[in-house]
Structure formats: C-alpha cells, structure tokens
Amino acid sequence: MTQKKHVFFQPVQTAEQRRKRTRNIVITAVILVIAAAAIYFAMPKNKALSQSSIFDQAEIEALARQAVDYINEEDFDGLKEMSVDEMSTIMNKERMDEAKARVSEDWGAFREVSDITAMEVTQRGVTAAVAYVTADYENAEIHFTFAFNEDMKLASLGIQ
C-alpha cells in the first residue's frame, strides 16, 4: 500500500487578492473603531454633584428625602406632582405596594434616612442627578434610587 503525501503550501497571492485582504482588514478596523465609539457613548459617565453645572447637591438630597416621605405617607399625589408625566401611571398604591412587597413583606415603621449619595450621570446624551438613599425601617433597611431630570422632576424610581 502506498500512502499519498500531502503537501501543504501557501500559494502566492496575486495583487488582486492582496488588495482584497487589505480592504477587509481596513473595513474590520473601521467597524471596530465605530463599535468602540458607540460603546463609549452608551456607557454612563458619572461625576460628583459638587462638580455639576446643572444640579445642586442640597436640592437633590432634599428632593430625595421628600420622595421618601411621600412613599412613607403613601402620598401618591405628591409623588405624581414631583414626577415626569410618564411616571404618573405607576404612582399609585397598588403598584407601590407591589414594589414594596418584592423587597420585604413588612418594612415596619420608618426610622430615618441614614445615607444619601448623589451624583450626576450622563448616558446617551441625557443627564440626570441620581440619588441613592438608604432608609432604615423597623424591620428592614431599604435602598431607594431616584433619578431627577434637568427640570428637577423625578424620572426614575427604584426600591431594593
């Protein structure tokens, strides 16, 4: 039995093949640069409120405390007044009770706001002040996230 020898070799590329290969490398590089720029633009950029030319830290912290008070008092009209129009549909007792239950069935009585951390966040060309609030209750420690737009309206609310 004879075995065939397989000869592996690299054929010489023609000028046209080299141009196509170079073109493909350039196109791939351009696509990677565009993708990197898009990812950078989509990523949030944070900075301290003390460096913000849009938001005042004391005002954002006061708005965050007011929002916590409205939630504790179940004053959904107050929450609606301080919120953007799109938030008005979720500012009701049923939706808030549902959100509260996901965190803990029994929060107990409100004790205090123990910490507020606020920063300016810019993402996809939209700038907001985000306040992270830790509130102590009788039976739970609750973390609220409030985002306020440039008009100082509540644009986002999270409860954890």
Protein backbone atom coordinates (compact mmCIF):
# COMPACT_ATOMS: atom_id res chain seq x y z
CA MET A 1 0.00 0.00 0.00
CA THR A 2 1.29 3.35 -0.87
CA GLN A 3 0.50 6.44 1.08
CA LYS A 4 -0.10 9.70 -0.57
CA LYS A 5 1.96 12.54 0.69
CA HIS A 6 0.02 15.69 1.37
CA VAL A 7 1.98 18.72 0.51
CA PHE A 8 0.87 21.85 2.31
CA PHE A 9 1.98 25.08 0.81
CA GLN A 10 0.88 28.69 0.65
CA PRO A 11 0.14 29.70 -2.90
CA VAL A 12 1.49 33.04 -3.99
CA GLN A 13 -1.15 35.75 -3.69
CA THR A 14 -2.00 37.82 -6.67
CA ALA A 15 -2.13 41.60 -6.46
CA GLU A 16 -5.94 41.45 -6.52
CA GLN A 17 -6.02 39.04 -3.58
CA ARG A 18 -3.67 41.30 -1.59
CA ARG A 19 -5.90 44.33 -2.27
CA LYS A 20 -8.99 42.39 -1.12
CA ARG A 21 -7.22 41.24 2.04
CA THR A 22 -6.03 44.76 2.82
CA ARG A 23 -9.53 46.13 2.16
CA ASN A 24 -11.06 43.56 4.51
CA ILE A 25 -8.56 44.42 7.24
CA VAL A 26 -9.32 48.15 6.87
CA ILE A 27 -13.09 47.57 6.93
CA THR A 28 -12.77 45.42 10.06
CA ALA A 29 -10.63 48.07 11.78
CA VAL A 30 -13.14 50.82 10.92
CA ILE A 31 -16.04 48.73 12.25
CA LEU A 32 -14.15 48.07 15.49
CA VAL A 33 -13.43 51.80 15.95
CA ILE A 34 -17.10 52.67 15.33
CA ALA A 35 -18.23 49.95 17.78
CA ALA A 36 -15.80 51.20 20.44
CA ALA A 37 -17.07 54.78 20.00
CA ALA A 38 -20.70 53.61 20.26
CA ILE A 39 -19.96 51.64 23.42
CA TYR A 40 -18.17 54.63 24.95
CA PHE A 41 -21.12 56.91 24.10
CA ALA A 42 -23.63 54.42 25.58
CA MET A 43 -21.71 53.97 28.85
CA PRO A 44 -22.80 56.20 31.73
CA LYS A 45 -20.41 58.94 32.74
CA ASN A 46 -20.59 59.84 36.43
CA LYS A 47 -19.38 62.88 38.29
CA ALA A 48 -19.89 64.34 41.73
CA LEU A 49 -22.76 66.79 42.09
CA SER A 50 -20.32 69.30 43.55
CA GLN A 51 -18.77 69.45 40.06
CA SER A 52 -22.13 69.75 38.29
CA SER A 53 -23.14 72.91 36.50
CA ILE A 54 -26.74 71.66 36.27
CA PHE A 55 -27.66 70.24 39.68
CA ASP A 56 -27.32 71.45 43.26
CA GLN A 57 -26.47 68.67 45.72
CA ALA A 58 -28.55 70.11 48.60
CA GLU A 59 -31.59 70.44 46.34
CA ILE A 60 -31.28 66.86 45.04
CA GLU A 61 -30.88 65.48 48.56
CA ALA A 62 -33.95 67.47 49.70
CA LEU A 63 -35.97 66.11 46.75
CA ALA A 64 -34.86 62.55 47.58
CA ARG A 65 -35.89 62.98 51.23
CA GLN A 66 -39.23 64.40 50.08
CA ALA A 67 -39.78 61.39 47.82
CA VAL A 68 -39.07 59.01 50.73
CA ASP A 69 -41.54 60.99 52.87
CA TYR A 70 -44.21 60.76 50.16
CA ILE A 71 -43.66 56.99 49.90
CA ASN A 72 -43.88 56.58 53.69
CA GLU A 73 -47.03 58.74 53.87
CA GLU A 74 -48.48 56.98 50.80
CA ASP A 75 -48.95 60.45 49.27
CA PHE A 76 -49.09 59.35 45.65
CA ASP A 77 -50.44 62.72 44.50
CA GLY A 78 -47.31 64.32 45.94
CA LEU A 79 -45.15 61.77 44.11
CA LYS A 80 -47.05 62.43 40.87
CA GLU A 81 -46.54 66.19 41.22
CA MET A 82 -42.77 65.80 41.59
CA SER A 83 -42.52 63.25 38.74
CA VAL A 84 -42.37 63.37 34.97
CA ASP A 85 -45.64 62.57 33.20
CA GLU A 86 -44.50 59.06 32.21
CA MET A 87 -44.19 58.11 35.90
CA SER A 88 -47.77 59.05 36.81
CA THR A 89 -49.15 55.63 35.85
CA ILE A 90 -47.01 53.83 38.44
CA MET A 91 -47.53 56.33 41.26
CA ASN A 92 -50.43 54.55 42.91
CA LYS A 93 -50.96 52.41 45.98
CA GLU A 94 -51.27 49.11 44.12
CA ARG A 95 -48.00 49.49 42.19
CA MET A 96 -46.13 50.83 45.22
CA ASP A 97 -47.38 48.01 47.47
CA GLU A 98 -46.31 45.54 44.80
CA ALA A 99 -42.81 47.09 44.66
CA LYS A 100 -42.54 47.17 48.45
CA ALA A 101 -43.58 43.51 48.75
CA ARG A 102 -40.79 42.45 46.36
CA VAL A 103 -38.27 43.87 48.81
CA SER A 104 -39.85 42.85 52.11
CA GLU A 105 -43.35 41.94 53.25
CA ASP A 106 -43.16 44.01 56.44
CA TRP A 107 -40.92 47.08 56.49
CA GLY A 108 -42.21 48.23 59.87
CA ALA A 109 -42.26 51.86 60.97
CA PHE A 110 -39.95 54.36 59.30
CA ARG A 111 -36.99 55.37 61.46
CA GLU A 112 -34.65 57.56 59.43
CA VAL A 113 -32.79 58.24 56.23
CA SER A 114 -29.31 57.04 57.18
CA ASP A 115 -27.43 57.87 53.99
CA ILE A 116 -27.79 59.76 50.72
CA THR A 117 -25.23 59.56 47.96
CA ALA A 118 -25.89 61.66 44.87
CA MET A 119 -24.10 62.07 41.55
CA GLU A 120 -24.62 63.38 38.06
CA VAL A 121 -24.95 60.69 35.41
CA THR A 122 -24.84 61.30 31.66
CA GLN A 123 -25.81 58.45 29.35
CA ARG A 124 -26.66 58.61 25.65
CA GLY A 125 -26.78 62.39 25.81
CA VAL A 126 -29.24 62.51 28.72
CA THR A 127 -28.08 63.99 32.03
CA ALA A 128 -29.73 63.21 35.36
CA ALA A 129 -29.00 63.55 39.05
CA VAL A 130 -29.15 60.14 40.72
CA ALA A 131 -29.63 59.85 44.47
CA TYR A 132 -29.02 56.57 46.28
CA VAL A 133 -30.90 56.68 49.57
CA THR A 134 -30.63 54.23 52.45
CA ALA A 135 -33.67 54.36 54.72
CA ASP A 136 -33.95 52.46 57.97
CA TYR A 137 -37.27 50.91 58.95
CA GLU A 138 -38.22 48.86 61.96
CA ASN A 139 -37.82 45.53 60.13
CA ALA A 140 -35.75 46.37 57.05
CA GLU A 141 -33.09 48.55 55.50
CA ILE A 142 -34.43 49.83 52.19
CA HIS A 143 -32.35 51.28 49.36
CA PHE A 144 -34.08 53.75 47.06
CA THR A 145 -32.68 55.01 43.77
CA PHE A 146 -34.14 58.27 42.50
CA ALA A 147 -33.19 59.89 39.19
CA PHE A 148 -34.11 63.53 38.62
CA ASN A 149 -34.02 65.16 35.20
CA GLU A 150 -32.67 68.64 34.48
CA ASP A 151 -36.10 70.11 35.38
CA MET A 152 -35.75 68.54 38.86
CA LYS A 153 -38.59 66.12 38.13
CA LEU A 154 -38.44 62.51 39.33
CA ALA A 155 -37.75 60.47 36.20
CA SER A 156 -36.95 57.06 37.71
CA LEU A 157 -37.58 55.27 40.99
CA GLY A 158 -36.09 52.02 42.22
CA ILE A 159 -36.61 50.17 45.50
CA GLN A 160 -34.29 47.46 46.77
